[in-house]
Protein backbone atom coordinates (compact mmCIF):
# COMPACT_ATOMS: atom_id res chain seq x y z
CA MET A 1 14.43 -7.78 68.40
CA ARG A 2 16.07 -4.94 70.28
CA ARG A 3 18.19 -2.39 68.44
CA SER A 4 21.29 -3.34 70.44
CA ASP A 5 20.85 -6.99 69.43
CA ARG A 6 20.58 -6.03 65.77
CA ARG A 7 23.79 -4.02 66.05
CA TRP A 8 25.66 -7.01 67.45
CA ILE A 9 24.32 -9.25 64.70
CA VAL A 10 25.39 -6.80 62.02
CA THR A 11 28.80 -6.38 63.70
CA PHE A 12 29.56 -10.09 63.69
CA LEU A 13 28.19 -10.62 60.19
CA SER A 14 29.92 -7.63 58.61
CA PRO A 15 33.33 -9.32 58.00
CA TYR A 16 31.63 -12.21 56.20
CA ILE A 17 29.34 -9.89 54.25
CA ALA A 18 32.31 -7.73 53.21
CA LEU A 19 34.47 -10.68 52.09
CA PHE A 20 31.55 -12.39 50.34
CA SER A 21 30.72 -9.19 48.50
CA ILE A 22 34.33 -8.50 47.47
CA PHE A 23 35.24 -12.00 46.32
CA ILE A 24 31.88 -13.40 45.14
CA ILE A 25 29.19 -10.82 44.40
CA VAL A 26 31.36 -8.11 42.80
CA PRO A 27 33.34 -10.50 40.50
CA THR A 28 30.10 -12.19 39.43
CA ILE A 29 28.46 -8.87 38.54
CA LEU A 30 31.59 -7.72 36.69
CA ALA A 31 31.74 -11.00 34.74
CA ILE A 32 28.10 -10.61 33.69
CA LEU A 33 28.72 -7.02 32.60
CA LEU A 34 31.93 -7.92 30.72
CA SER A 35 30.11 -10.72 28.89
CA PHE A 36 28.27 -8.03 26.90
CA THR A 37 31.49 -6.33 25.83
CA ASN A 38 34.55 -6.78 23.66
CA PHE A 39 37.47 -6.47 26.09
CA ASN A 40 41.11 -7.30 25.36
CA THR A 41 42.51 -6.16 28.78
CA ILE A 42 44.22 -3.14 27.13
CA GLN A 43 41.51 -1.02 25.58
CA PHE A 44 38.38 0.07 27.40
CA PRO A 45 35.55 -2.51 27.08
CA LYS A 46 33.29 -1.91 24.09
CA PHE A 47 29.62 -2.83 24.43
CA VAL A 48 28.57 -5.45 21.86
CA GLY A 49 25.27 -6.68 23.33
CA LEU A 50 24.55 -10.39 22.90
CA LYS A 51 27.22 -10.89 20.25
CA ASN A 52 29.44 -13.03 22.51
CA TYR A 53 26.57 -15.36 23.38
CA VAL A 54 25.40 -15.62 19.77
CA SER A 55 28.94 -16.43 18.64
CA LEU A 56 29.34 -18.99 21.41
CA PHE A 57 26.31 -21.02 20.35
CA THR A 58 26.43 -20.47 16.58
CA THR A 59 30.01 -20.03 15.35
CA ASP A 60 32.19 -21.57 18.09
CA SER A 61 32.37 -25.11 16.70
CA VAL A 62 34.90 -26.19 19.33
CA PHE A 63 32.49 -25.24 22.13
CA MET A 64 29.46 -26.95 20.60
CA GLN A 65 31.22 -30.07 19.26
CA TYR A 66 33.72 -30.77 22.03
CA VAL A 67 33.63 -28.51 25.10
CA LEU A 68 29.92 -28.58 25.95
CA PRO A 69 29.42 -32.34 25.27
CA ASN A 70 32.61 -33.18 27.18
CA THR A 71 31.52 -31.09 30.15
CA ILE A 72 28.02 -32.57 30.28
CA LYS A 73 29.33 -36.12 29.88
CA PHE A 74 32.01 -35.53 32.50
CA ALA A 75 29.44 -34.12 34.95
CA ILE A 76 26.97 -36.97 34.36
CA ILE A 77 29.65 -39.63 34.94
CA VAL A 78 31.80 -38.12 37.68
CA GLY A 79 29.11 -36.28 39.65
CA PRO A 80 26.69 -39.12 40.50
CA LEU A 81 29.42 -41.80 40.63
CA GLY A 82 31.64 -39.72 42.92
CA TYR A 83 28.62 -38.86 45.08
CA PHE A 84 27.66 -42.53 45.40
CA LEU A 85 31.24 -43.51 46.26
CA ALA A 86 31.42 -40.78 48.93
CA PHE A 87 28.24 -42.04 50.60
CA PHE A 88 29.20 -45.71 50.28
CA LEU A 89 32.67 -45.16 51.76
CA ALA A 90 31.24 -42.98 54.56
CA TRP A 91 28.70 -45.67 55.44
CA MET A 92 31.34 -48.43 55.34
CA LEU A 93 33.71 -46.48 57.58
CA ALA A 94 30.94 -45.85 60.09
CA GLN A 95 30.72 -49.62 60.66
CA ILE A 96 34.28 -50.01 61.98
CA PRO A 97 35.93 -48.88 65.27
CA ARG A 98 37.00 -45.27 65.76
CA ILE A 99 40.80 -45.53 65.42
CA PRO A 100 40.91 -47.43 62.10
CA ARG A 101 38.00 -45.29 60.88
CA THR A 102 39.99 -42.11 61.58
CA ILE A 103 43.08 -43.44 59.79
CA LEU A 104 41.14 -44.62 56.74
CA SER A 105 39.15 -41.36 56.59
CA LEU A 106 42.39 -39.39 56.49
CA ILE A 107 43.76 -41.65 53.75
CA ILE A 108 40.60 -41.29 51.65
CA TYR A 109 40.34 -37.52 52.19
CA SER A 110 44.01 -36.68 51.61
CA PRO A 111 43.94 -36.98 47.77
CA SER A 112 41.51 -34.05 47.59
CA MET A 113 44.14 -31.87 49.31
CA THR A 114 47.23 -33.12 47.45
CA VAL A 115 45.83 -33.78 43.99
CA GLY A 116 48.29 -31.40 42.29
CA VAL A 117 51.38 -33.00 43.82
CA ALA A 118 49.99 -36.51 43.45
CA MET A 119 49.22 -35.81 39.79
CA GLN A 120 52.89 -35.15 39.07
CA VAL A 121 54.28 -37.92 41.26
CA ILE A 122 51.77 -40.75 40.81
CA TRP A 123 49.37 -40.49 37.90
CA LEU A 124 51.79 -39.16 35.28
CA THR A 125 54.02 -42.11 36.10
CA VAL A 126 51.19 -44.63 36.11
CA PHE A 127 49.82 -43.47 32.74
CA SER A 128 53.18 -42.70 31.12
CA GLY A 129 53.13 -43.49 27.41
CA ASP A 130 56.42 -45.40 27.32
CA LYS A 131 57.33 -48.89 28.50
CA SER A 132 58.39 -47.62 31.92
CA GLY A 133 54.88 -46.43 32.73
CA TYR A 134 53.38 -48.65 35.41
CA LEU A 135 50.18 -49.42 33.50
CA ASN A 136 51.93 -50.05 30.17
CA SER A 137 54.58 -52.15 31.88
CA PHE A 138 51.93 -54.33 33.54
CA LEU A 139 49.85 -54.75 30.39
CA LEU A 140 52.95 -55.62 28.33
CA ARG A 141 54.07 -58.15 30.93
CA VAL A 142 50.74 -59.99 30.96
CA GLY A 143 50.48 -59.85 27.16
CA LEU A 144 47.33 -57.74 26.85
CA ILE A 145 49.08 -55.21 24.58
CA ASP A 146 52.07 -55.53 22.26
CA GLN A 147 53.17 -51.88 22.30
CA PRO A 148 52.85 -48.99 24.77
CA ILE A 149 49.66 -46.94 24.72
CA GLN A 150 49.75 -43.14 24.84
CA TRP A 151 47.19 -42.84 27.62
CA LEU A 152 47.57 -39.09 28.09
CA GLN A 153 48.01 -38.04 24.46
CA SER A 154 45.48 -40.28 22.78
CA PRO A 155 42.02 -38.73 22.30
CA LYS A 156 40.56 -42.19 22.88
CA PHE A 157 42.04 -42.69 26.36
CA LEU A 158 42.48 -39.18 27.79
CA PHE A 159 38.85 -38.69 28.83
CA PRO A 160 38.53 -42.06 30.68
CA THR A 161 41.82 -41.30 32.42
CA MET A 162 40.44 -37.92 33.54
CA VAL A 163 37.38 -39.67 35.00
CA ILE A 164 39.52 -42.14 36.96
CA VAL A 165 41.82 -39.47 38.41
CA THR A 166 38.90 -37.17 39.28
CA LEU A 167 37.02 -39.94 41.10
CA TRP A 168 40.19 -40.77 43.04
CA SER A 169 40.46 -37.18 44.26
CA SER A 170 36.73 -36.47 44.73
CA MET A 171 36.45 -37.52 48.39
CA GLY A 172 36.53 -33.99 49.81
CA VAL A 173 34.35 -32.09 52.27
CA GLY A 174 31.22 -33.75 50.89
CA PHE A 175 32.60 -37.13 51.97
CA LEU A 176 33.39 -35.79 55.46
CA ALA A 177 29.89 -34.30 55.76
CA MET A 178 28.32 -37.65 54.87
CA LEU A 179 30.57 -39.47 57.32
CA ALA A 180 29.52 -37.06 60.06
CA GLY A 181 25.86 -37.55 59.12
CA VAL A 182 26.09 -41.34 59.34
CA LEU A 183 27.96 -41.23 62.65
CA ASN A 184 25.48 -38.80 64.22
CA THR A 185 22.44 -40.93 63.43
CA ASP A 186 20.72 -41.93 66.69
CA PRO A 187 21.18 -45.71 67.30
CA GLU A 188 17.76 -45.83 68.94
CA VAL A 189 16.17 -45.08 65.57
CA TYR A 190 17.75 -48.23 64.14
CA GLU A 191 16.45 -50.23 67.09
CA ALA A 192 12.96 -48.87 66.48
CA GLY A 193 13.31 -49.78 62.81
CA TYR A 194 14.18 -53.37 63.66
CA ILE A 195 11.10 -53.56 65.87
CA ASP A 196 8.97 -52.25 62.98
CA GLY A 197 10.19 -54.97 60.65
CA ILE A 198 13.46 -53.81 59.05
CA SER A 199 15.64 -56.90 58.69
CA LYS A 200 18.21 -56.08 55.99
CA ARG A 201 21.03 -53.54 55.85
CA TRP A 202 19.86 -52.04 52.56
CA GLN A 203 16.47 -51.36 54.17
CA GLU A 204 18.29 -49.67 57.05
CA ILE A 205 20.15 -47.44 54.59
CA PHE A 206 17.15 -46.42 52.46
CA TYR A 207 14.51 -46.08 55.18
CA ILE A 208 16.56 -44.73 58.11
CA THR A 209 20.09 -43.56 57.28
CA ILE A 210 19.42 -41.51 54.15
CA PRO A 211 16.21 -39.79 55.39
CA LEU A 212 17.92 -38.79 58.66
CA MET A 213 20.98 -37.29 56.97
CA LYS A 214 19.31 -35.31 54.19
CA PRO A 215 21.14 -32.06 55.14
CA GLN A 216 24.52 -33.79 54.75
CA MET A 217 23.33 -35.47 51.55
CA LEU A 218 22.24 -32.10 50.18
CA PHE A 219 25.56 -30.47 51.06
CA GLY A 220 27.51 -33.32 49.48
CA ALA A 221 25.38 -33.17 46.33
CA VAL A 222 25.83 -29.40 45.92
CA MET A 223 29.59 -29.67 46.46
CA SER A 224 29.73 -32.52 43.94
CA VAL A 225 27.87 -30.45 41.33
CA VAL A 226 30.08 -27.39 41.81
CA SER A 227 33.38 -29.29 41.85
CA THR A 228 32.44 -31.40 38.82
CA PHE A 229 31.46 -28.46 36.61
CA GLN A 230 34.48 -26.45 37.73
CA ALA A 231 36.90 -29.27 36.96
CA GLY A 232 39.23 -28.47 34.12
CA TYR A 233 42.80 -28.60 35.26
CA ILE A 234 42.75 -32.42 35.28
CA GLY A 235 42.88 -32.78 31.50
CA VAL A 236 45.45 -30.00 31.07
CA MET A 237 47.73 -31.35 33.80
CA LEU A 238 47.54 -34.89 32.45
CA SER A 239 48.07 -34.04 28.78
CA GLY A 240 50.37 -31.07 29.43
CA SER A 241 48.62 -28.81 26.93
CA ASN A 242 45.66 -26.48 26.59
CA PRO A 243 43.79 -27.24 24.40
CA THR A 244 44.02 -30.95 25.10
CA PRO A 245 44.81 -33.36 22.22
CA GLN A 246 42.04 -32.98 19.60
CA TYR A 247 39.94 -31.34 22.34
CA SER A 248 39.21 -34.81 23.78
CA GLY A 249 39.55 -33.59 27.37
CA GLN A 250 38.53 -29.98 26.85
CA LEU A 251 36.02 -28.75 29.45
CA ILE A 252 34.36 -25.36 29.90
CA VAL A 253 36.96 -24.17 32.40
CA ASN A 254 39.70 -24.92 29.85
CA HIS A 255 37.77 -22.99 27.20
CA ILE A 256 37.52 -19.99 29.54
CA GLU A 257 41.26 -20.12 30.23
CA ASP A 258 42.03 -20.48 26.52
CA PHE A 259 40.12 -17.35 25.50
CA GLY A 260 40.68 -15.31 28.66
CA PHE A 261 44.36 -15.86 29.48
CA MET A 262 45.84 -17.02 26.18
CA ARG A 263 43.90 -15.01 23.59
CA TYR A 264 42.98 -12.15 25.96
CA GLU A 265 39.38 -12.10 24.74
CA MET A 266 38.04 -11.34 28.21
CA GLY A 267 34.53 -10.42 27.08
CA TYR A 268 34.08 -13.73 25.31
CA ALA A 269 35.62 -15.63 28.22
CA ALA A 270 33.22 -13.84 30.59
CA ALA A 271 30.27 -14.99 28.44
CA ILE A 272 31.49 -18.60 28.71
CA SER A 273 31.82 -18.23 32.48
CA VAL A 274 28.25 -16.93 32.71
CA VAL A 275 27.03 -19.99 30.79
CA LEU A 276 28.96 -22.18 33.24
CA LEU A 277 27.39 -20.29 36.16
CA ILE A 278 23.90 -20.90 34.74
CA MET A 279 24.62 -24.61 34.30
CA ILE A 280 25.79 -24.90 37.91
CA TRP A 281 22.75 -22.94 39.13
CA ILE A 282 20.29 -25.17 37.24
CA SER A 283 21.97 -28.34 38.51
CA SER A 284 22.02 -27.01 42.07
CA LYS A 285 18.32 -26.15 41.90
CA PHE A 286 17.60 -29.72 40.79
CA VAL A 287 19.64 -31.07 43.72
CA TRP A 288 17.82 -28.77 46.17
CA ALA A 289 14.47 -29.94 44.85
CA LEU A 290 15.59 -33.56 45.23
CA PHE A 291 16.85 -33.38 48.82
CA LEU A 292 15.03 -30.43 50.37
CA GLU A 293 12.55 -31.33 53.09
CA LYS A 294 8.92 -31.05 51.98
CA ASP A 295 6.49 -29.27 54.29
């Protein structure tokens, strides 16, 4: 490659490299460094070694009993289920004409952009704990319950409610990538598959559609992993408190916010964020190994 070509490449890449370094690399390095310190945002950070990590896994009973199990359970339920729904809806929409497909795609995608507003307007009303709440009103009318249920304040019902709302708002860029992958599949490949003996739609999906859209499937899976582990505001917005009632909806992100921005224990909060980063990295590596093309 000529020197002039390299200069042009560096010139065009430099804005991205600069922004990526400022907003991603530098904060990550600082968080890792702060995780080995005791920092209260006022005094200069004091190096404490692995004390924050030891305390997190040995003395932080809330983290080990509630936060970590809730986060893992939430990721196992919402991640795969939301990923499957995104692919299923993308495949279903690809079977209908362009104009209704465009309208339905916008309807399905819009919750991911307006989840904060919709949370206040729709879901808090639906799951309201009094008789005027839509769900309580319906269940009382049909006789399934005899008194209103506190859906958002009850430790028994808060977590399932979080799962429902998160799945409703999970059709984001991963869903659009899968839709684009299905639509860009060459029709001639399907015709060749029918000639080779494929006779059912499920065979078409597993033997043609999914193998041909592995890049989109990989992107959707990575985005699903990241968004699921980073979820945290759902429980707080629904219950209106951090920590959530009896820590029933407490996720790692809420634990970071609790220690970092309420107790100002930034070193400890940084250690929790590093643990979250490692969990996302391990899950992403598993997804890459699952979808990456083999030589």
